[in-house]
PDB file of N, CA and C in Angstrom:
ATOM      1  N   UNK A   1       1.549  -8.035 -14.160  1.00  0.00           N
ATOM      2  CA  UNK A   1       2.662  -7.038 -12.955  1.00  0.00           C
ATOM      3  C   UNK A   1       2.377  -7.195 -11.861  1.00  0.00           C
ATOM      4  N   UNK A   2       3.832  -6.902 -11.206  1.00  0.00           N
ATOM      5  CA  UNK A   2       4.151  -7.155 -10.094  1.00  0.00           C
ATOM      6  C   UNK A   2       4.208  -5.771  -9.018  1.00  0.00           C
ATOM      7  N   UNK A   3       3.674  -5.682  -7.748  1.00  0.00           N
ATOM      8  CA  UNK A   3       3.980  -4.872  -6.969  1.00  0.00           C
ATOM      9  C   UNK A   3       5.105  -4.417  -6.319  1.00  0.00           C
ATOM     10  N   UNK A   4       5.652  -3.573  -6.459  1.00  0.00           N
ATOM     11  CA  UNK A   4       6.789  -3.411  -5.936  1.00  0.00           C
ATOM     12  C   UNK A   4       6.675  -3.516  -4.375  1.00  0.00           C
ATOM     13  N   UNK A   5       7.740  -3.925  -3.652  1.00  0.00           N
ATOM     14  CA  UNK A   5       7.503  -4.277  -2.093  1.00  0.00           C
ATOM     15  C   UNK A   5       7.279  -3.292  -1.485  1.00  0.00           C
ATOM     16  N   UNK A   6       6.469  -3.631  -0.450  1.00  0.00           N
ATOM     17  CA  UNK A   6       5.503  -2.634   0.476  1.00  0.00           C
ATOM     18  C   UNK A   6       6.692  -1.552   0.800  1.00  0.00           C
ATOM     19  N   UNK A   7       7.779  -1.960   1.534  1.00  0.00           N
ATOM     20  CA  UNK A   7       8.490  -1.568   2.024  1.00  0.00           C
ATOM     21  C   UNK A   7       9.396  -0.019   1.007  1.00  0.00           C
ATOM     22  N   UNK A   8       9.388  -0.543  -0.122  1.00  0.00           N
ATOM     23  CA  UNK A   8       9.331   0.853  -0.915  1.00  0.00           C
ATOM     24  C   UNK A   8       8.794   1.745  -1.198  1.00  0.00           C
ATOM     25  N   UNK A   9       7.496   1.554  -1.181  1.00  0.00           N
ATOM     26  CA  UNK A   9       6.194   2.748  -0.681  1.00  0.00           C
ATOM     27  C   UNK A   9       5.341   2.820   0.253  1.00  0.00           C
ATOM     28  N   UNK A  10       5.628   2.405   1.326  1.00  0.00           N
ATOM     29  CA  UNK A  10       4.819   2.472   2.401  1.00  0.00           C
ATOM     30  C   UNK A  10       4.869   3.715   2.969  1.00  0.00           C
ATOM     31  N   UNK A  11       6.264   4.076   3.032  1.00  0.00           N
ATOM     32  CA  UNK A  11       5.910   5.249   3.941  1.00  0.00           C
ATOM     33  C   UNK A  11       5.610   6.992   3.062  1.00  0.00           C
ATOM     34  N   UNK A  12       5.599   6.719   1.652  1.00  0.00           N
ATOM     35  CA  UNK A  12       5.498   7.395   0.940  1.00  0.00           C
ATOM     36  C   UNK A  12       3.752   7.560   0.710  1.00  0.00           C
ATOM     37  N   UNK A  13       3.195   6.581   1.377  1.00  0.00           N
ATOM     38  CA  UNK A  13       1.821   7.258   1.206  1.00  0.00           C
ATOM     39  C   UNK A  13       0.913   7.950   1.895  1.00  0.00           C
ATOM     40  N   UNK A  14       0.031   8.944   1.138  1.00  0.00           N
ATOM     41  CA  UNK A  14      -0.552   9.573   2.221  1.00  0.00           C
ATOM     42  C   UNK A  14      -1.527   8.831   3.334  1.00  0.00           C
ATOM     43  N   UNK A  15      -1.518   9.656   4.171  1.00  0.00           N
ATOM     44  CA  UNK A  15      -2.794   9.422   5.206  1.00  0.00           C
ATOM     45  C   UNK A  15      -4.358   8.502   4.444  1.00  0.00           C
ATOM     46  N   UNK A  16      -4.512   9.051   3.697  1.00  0.00           N
ATOM     47  CA  UNK A  16      -5.755   8.358   3.552  1.00  0.00           C
ATOM     48  C   UNK A  16      -5.168   7.301   2.434  1.00  0.00           C
ATOM     49  N   UNK A  17      -4.468   7.135   1.699  1.00  0.00           N
ATOM     50  CA  UNK A  17      -4.313   6.037   1.215  1.00  0.00           C
ATOM     51  C   UNK A  17      -3.584   4.847   2.146  1.00  0.00           C
ATOM     52  N   UNK A  18      -3.183   5.005   3.500  1.00  0.00           N
ATOM     53  CA  UNK A  18      -2.685   4.215   4.235  1.00  0.00           C
ATOM     54  C   UNK A  18      -4.135   3.382   5.092  1.00  0.00           C
ATOM     55  N   UNK A  19      -4.845   4.260   5.441  1.00  0.00           N
ATOM     56  CA  UNK A  19      -6.192   4.034   5.544  1.00  0.00           C
ATOM     57  C   UNK A  19      -6.586   3.137   4.859  1.00  0.00           C
ATOM     58  N   UNK A  20      -7.270   3.467   3.764  1.00  0.00           N
ATOM     59  CA  UNK A  20      -8.004   2.455   2.543  1.00  0.00           C
ATOM     60  C   UNK A  20      -6.965   1.184   2.687  1.00  0.00           C
ATOM     61  N   UNK A  21      -5.710   1.022   2.788  1.00  0.00           N
ATOM     62  CA  UNK A  21      -5.068  -0.202   3.103  1.00  0.00           C
ATOM     63  C   UNK A  21      -5.541  -0.789   4.124  1.00  0.00           C
ATOM     64  N   UNK A  22      -5.288  -0.296   5.386  1.00  0.00           N
ATOM     65  CA  UNK A  22      -5.324  -0.945   6.481  1.00  0.00           C
ATOM     66  C   UNK A  22      -7.052  -1.495   6.741  1.00  0.00           C
ATOM     67  N   UNK A  23      -7.727  -0.568   6.215  1.00  0.00           N
ATOM     68  CA  UNK A  23      -9.454  -0.591   6.606  1.00  0.00           C
ATOM     69  C   UNK A  23     -10.306  -0.806   5.640  1.00  0.00           C
ATOM     70  N   UNK A  24      -9.536  -1.670   4.261  1.00  0.00           N
ATOM     71  CA  UNK A  24     -10.240  -2.079   3.361  1.00  0.00           C
ATOM     72  C   UNK A  24     -11.080  -3.833   3.661  1.00  0.00           C
ATOM     73  N   UNK A  25     -11.758  -3.977   2.917  1.00  0.00           N
ATOM     74  CA  UNK A  25     -12.362  -5.352   2.930  1.00  0.00           C
ATOM     75  C   UNK A  25     -12.094  -6.075   1.837  1.00  0.00           C
ATOM     76  N   UNK A  26     -11.344  -5.971   1.345  1.00  0.00           N
ATOM     77  CA  UNK A  26     -10.231  -6.426   0.264  1.00  0.00           C
ATOM     78  C   UNK A  26      -8.997  -6.453   0.079  1.00  0.00           C
ATOM     79  N   UNK A  27      -8.118  -8.114  -0.074  1.00  0.00           N
ATOM     80  CA  UNK A  27      -6.590  -7.246  -0.304  1.00  0.00           C
ATOM     81  C   UNK A  27      -6.190  -6.367  -1.480  1.00  0.00           C
ATOM     82  N   UNK A  28      -7.299  -6.279  -2.265  1.00  0.00           N
ATOM     83  CA  UNK A  28      -7.034  -5.212  -3.874  1.00  0.00           C
ATOM     84  C   UNK A  28      -7.016  -3.941  -3.091  1.00  0.00           C
ATOM     85  N   UNK A  29      -5.757  -3.875  -3.769  1.00  0.00           N
ATOM     86  CA  UNK A  29      -5.641  -2.116  -3.687  1.00  0.00           C
ATOM     87  C   UNK A  29      -6.941  -1.250  -4.766  1.00  0.00           C
ATOM     88  N   UNK A  30      -6.912  -0.077  -4.050  1.00  0.00           N
ATOM     89  CA  UNK A  30      -7.987   0.964  -5.010  1.00  0.00           C
ATOM     90  C   UNK A  30      -7.349   1.959  -6.396  1.00  0.00           C
ATOM     91  N   UNK A  31      -7.789   2.306  -6.975  1.00  0.00           N
ATOM     92  CA  UNK A  31      -7.150   2.991  -8.064  1.00  0.00           C
ATOM     93  C   UNK A  31      -6.590   4.136  -7.245  1.00  0.00           C
ATOM     94  N   UNK A  32      -6.906   4.650  -6.288  1.00  0.00           N
ATOM     95  CA  UNK A  32      -5.742   5.985  -5.596  1.00  0.00           C
ATOM     96  C   UNK A  32      -4.895   5.473  -5.072  1.00  0.00           C
ATOM     97  N   UNK A  33      -4.768   4.507  -4.340  1.00  0.00           N
ATOM     98  CA  UNK A  33      -4.053   3.925  -3.827  1.00  0.00           C
ATOM     99  C   UNK A  33      -2.516   3.451  -4.765  1.00  0.00           C
ATOM    100  N   UNK A  34      -3.237   2.435  -5.914  1.00  0.00           N
ATOM    101  CA  UNK A  34      -1.937   2.230  -6.836  1.00  0.00           C
ATOM    102  C   UNK A  34      -1.666   3.461  -7.769  1.00  0.00           C
ATOM    103  N   UNK A  35      -2.365   4.568  -7.858  1.00  0.00           N
ATOM    104  CA  UNK A  35      -1.382   5.839  -8.569  1.00  0.00           C
ATOM    105  C   UNK A  35      -0.536   6.207  -7.416  1.00  0.00           C
ATOM    106  N   UNK A  36      -0.666   6.193  -6.440  1.00  0.00           N
ATOM    107  CA  UNK A  36       0.319   7.067  -5.496  1.00  0.00           C
ATOM    108  C   UNK A  36       1.463   6.394  -5.397  1.00  0.00           C
ATOM    109  N   UNK A  37       1.204   4.729  -5.470  1.00  0.00           N
ATOM    110  CA  UNK A  37       2.491   4.040  -5.847  1.00  0.00           C
ATOM    111  C   UNK A  37       3.123   3.945  -6.843  1.00  0.00           C
ATOM    112  N   UNK A  38       2.732   3.953  -8.027  1.00  0.00           N
ATOM    113  CA  UNK A  38       2.985   4.518  -9.230  1.00  0.00           C
ATOM    114  C   UNK A  38       4.057   5.699  -9.374  1.00  0.00           C
ATOM    115  N   UNK A  39       3.110   6.910  -8.450  1.00  0.00           N
ATOM    116  CA  UNK A  39       3.964   8.076  -8.193  1.00  0.00           C
ATOM    117  C   UNK A  39       5.183   7.801  -7.675  1.00  0.00           C
ATOM    118  N   UNK A  40       5.212   6.936  -6.314  1.00  0.00           N
ATOM    119  CA  UNK A  40       6.264   6.971  -5.781  1.00  0.00           C
ATOM    120  C   UNK A  40       7.026   5.944  -6.439  1.00  0.00           C
ATOM    121  N   UNK A  41       6.955   4.965  -6.869  1.00  0.00           N
ATOM    122  CA  UNK A  41       8.109   4.124  -6.830  1.00  0.00           C
ATOM    123  C   UNK A  41       8.568   4.312  -8.904  1.00  0.00           C
ATOM    124  N   UNK A  42       7.635   4.494  -9.566  1.00  0.00           N
ATOM    125  CA  UNK A  42       7.697   4.659 -11.115  1.00  0.00           C
ATOM    126  C   UNK A  42       7.392   3.608 -11.745  1.00  0.00           C
ATOM    127  N   UNK A  43       6.880   2.521 -10.627  1.00  0.00           N
ATOM    128  CA  UNK A  43       6.955   0.860 -11.331  1.00  0.00           C
ATOM    129  C   UNK A  43       4.985   1.180 -12.222  1.00  0.00           C
ATOM    130  N   UNK A  44       4.798   0.317 -13.072  1.00  0.00           N
ATOM    131  CA  UNK A  44       3.730   0.186 -13.535  1.00  0.00           C
ATOM    132  C   UNK A  44       2.797  -0.772 -12.756  1.00  0.00           C
ATOM    133  N   UNK A  45       1.567  -0.397 -12.124  1.00  0.00           N
ATOM    134  CA  UNK A  45       0.927  -0.860 -11.347  1.00  0.00           C
ATOM    135  C   UNK A  45      -0.372  -1.603 -11.794  1.00  0.00           C
ATOM    136  N   UNK A  46      -0.420  -2.570 -11.963  1.00  0.00           N
ATOM    137  CA  UNK A  46      -1.810  -3.456 -12.752  1.00  0.00           C
ATOM    138  C   UNK A  46      -2.947  -2.820 -11.602  1.00  0.00           C
ATOM    139  N   UNK A  47      -4.275  -2.890 -12.576  1.00  0.00           N
ATOM    140  CA  UNK A  47      -5.372  -2.546 -12.369  1.00  0.00           C
ATOM    141  C   UNK A  47      -5.764  -3.981 -10.968  1.00  0.00           C
ATOM    142  N   UNK A  48      -5.665  -4.810 -11.030  1.00  0.00           N
ATOM    143  CA  UNK A  48      -5.840  -5.548  -9.944  1.00  0.00           C
ATOM    144  C   UNK A  48      -4.792  -6.201  -9.105  1.00  0.00           C
ATOM    145  N   UNK A  49      -3.987  -5.417  -8.384  1.00  0.00           N
ATOM    146  CA  UNK A  49      -2.952  -5.691  -7.433  1.00  0.00           C
ATOM    147  C   UNK A  49      -3.447  -5.764  -6.182  1.00  0.00           C
ATOM    148  N   UNK A  50      -3.138  -6.894  -5.267  1.00  0.00           N
ATOM    149  CA  UNK A  50      -3.183  -6.976  -3.996  1.00  0.00           C
ATOM    150  C   UNK A  50      -2.295  -7.422  -3.211  1.00  0.00           C
ATOM    151  N   UNK A  51      -2.252  -7.302  -2.011  1.00  0.00           N
ATOM    152  CA  UNK A  51      -1.504  -7.210  -0.641  1.00  0.00           C
ATOM    153  C   UNK A  51      -1.217  -8.740  -0.022  1.00  0.00           C
ATOM    154  N   UNK A  52      -0.158  -9.282  -0.031  1.00  0.00           N
ATOM    155  CA  UNK A  52       0.020 -10.150   0.599  1.00  0.00           C
ATOM    156  C   UNK A  52      -0.489 -10.174   2.140  1.00  0.00           C
ATOM    157  N   UNK A  53      -0.444 -11.247   3.088  1.00  0.00           N
ATOM    158  CA  UNK A  53      -0.391 -10.952   4.813  1.00  0.00           C
ATOM    159  C   UNK A  53       0.674 -10.714   4.940  1.00  0.00           C
ATOM    160  N   UNK A  54       1.676 -11.007   4.187  1.00  0.00           N
ATOM    161  CA  UNK A  54       2.699 -10.445   5.069  1.00  0.00           C
ATOM    162  C   UNK A  54       2.970  -8.942   4.815  1.00  0.00           C
ATOM    163  N   UNK A  55       2.562  -8.655   3.424  1.00  0.00           N
ATOM    164  CA  UNK A  55       2.484  -6.891   3.247  1.00  0.00           C
ATOM    165  C   UNK A  55       1.248  -6.190   4.082  1.00  0.00           C
ATOM    166  N   UNK A  56       0.139  -7.079   4.451  1.00  0.00           N
ATOM    167  CA  UNK A  56      -0.259  -6.484   5.605  1.00  0.00           C
ATOM    168  C   UNK A  56       0.266  -6.244   7.135  1.00  0.00           C
ATOM    169  N   UNK A  57       0.919  -7.353   7.239  1.00  0.00           N
ATOM    170  CA  UNK A  57       1.627  -7.094   8.504  1.00  0.00           C
ATOM    171  C   UNK A  57       2.484  -5.843   8.384  1.00  0.00           C
ATOM    172  N   UNK A  58       3.141  -6.214   7.534  1.00  0.00           N
ATOM    173  CA  UNK A  58       4.328  -4.888   7.331  1.00  0.00           C
ATOM    174  C   UNK A  58       3.647  -3.287   7.705  1.00  0.00           C
ATOM    175  N   UNK A  59       2.226  -3.908   6.929  1.00  0.00           N
ATOM    176  CA  UNK A  59       1.695  -2.109   6.807  1.00  0.00           C
ATOM    177  C   UNK A  59       1.117  -1.950   8.333  1.00  0.00           C
ATOM    178  N   UNK A  60       0.496  -2.927   9.431  1.00  0.00           N
ATOM    179  CA  UNK A  60      -0.496  -3.128  10.347  1.00  0.00           C
ATOM    180  C   UNK A  60       0.765  -2.263  11.284  1.00  0.00           C
ATOM    181  N   UNK A  61       2.303  -2.748  11.478  1.00  0.00           N
ATOM    182  CA  UNK A  61       3.383  -2.903  12.082  1.00  0.00           C
ATOM    183  C   UNK A  61       3.894  -1.612  12.176  1.00  0.00           C
ATOM    184  N   UNK A  62       3.958  -1.209  10.883  1.00  0.00           N
ATOM    185  CA  UNK A  62       4.708   0.271  10.672  1.00  0.00           C
ATOM    186  C   UNK A  62       3.713   1.388  10.748  1.00  0.00           C
ATOM    187  N   UNK A  63       2.414   1.040  11.134  1.00  0.00           N
ATOM    188  CA  UNK A  63       1.131   1.964  11.055  1.00  0.00           C
ATOM    189  C   UNK A  63       0.812   2.535  12.593  1.00  0.00           C
ATOM    190  N   UNK A  64       1.315   1.595  13.389  1.00  0.00           N
ATOM    191  CA  UNK A  64       1.129   1.603  15.058  1.00  0.00           C
ATOM    192  C   UNK A  64       2.715   2.500  15.053  1.00  0.00           C
ATOM    193  N   UNK A  65       3.793   2.336  14.352  1.00  0.00           N
ATOM    194  CA  UNK A  65       4.716   2.929  14.488  1.00  0.00           C
ATOM    195  C   UNK A  65       4.660   4.343  14.326  1.00  0.00           C
ATOM    196  N   UNK A  66       3.930   5.074  13.605  1.00  0.00           N
ATOM    197  CA  UNK A  66       3.965   6.424  13.191  1.00  0.00           C
ATOM    198  C   UNK A  66       2.331   7.139  13.783  1.00  0.00           C
ATOM    199  N   UNK A  67       1.428   6.049  14.414  1.00  0.00           N
ATOM    200  CA  UNK A  67       1.038   6.183  15.936  1.00  0.00           C
ATOM    201  C   UNK A  67       1.464   7.066  16.964  1.00  0.00           C
ATOM    202  N   UNK A  68       2.664   6.441  17.088  1.00  0.00           N
ATOM    203  CA  UNK A  68       3.280   6.576  18.194  1.00  0.00           C
ATOM    204  C   UNK A  68       3.667   8.235  18.529  1.00  0.00           C
TER     205      UNK A  68
END
């Protein structure tokens, strides 16, 4: 499975899921985050989806914008 681009779903994630992504010890997404991405995008999200370094950079940059 391929994770949809983070720009397609990041803004729709709940605050809790955003925290999970940013504070997680692993690049793998937990079940709740994967489910939210599935609902937001309609994509089939696999059990072992992980974020790239570029995805994490995007998340960090956009988290700072929403904190302002």
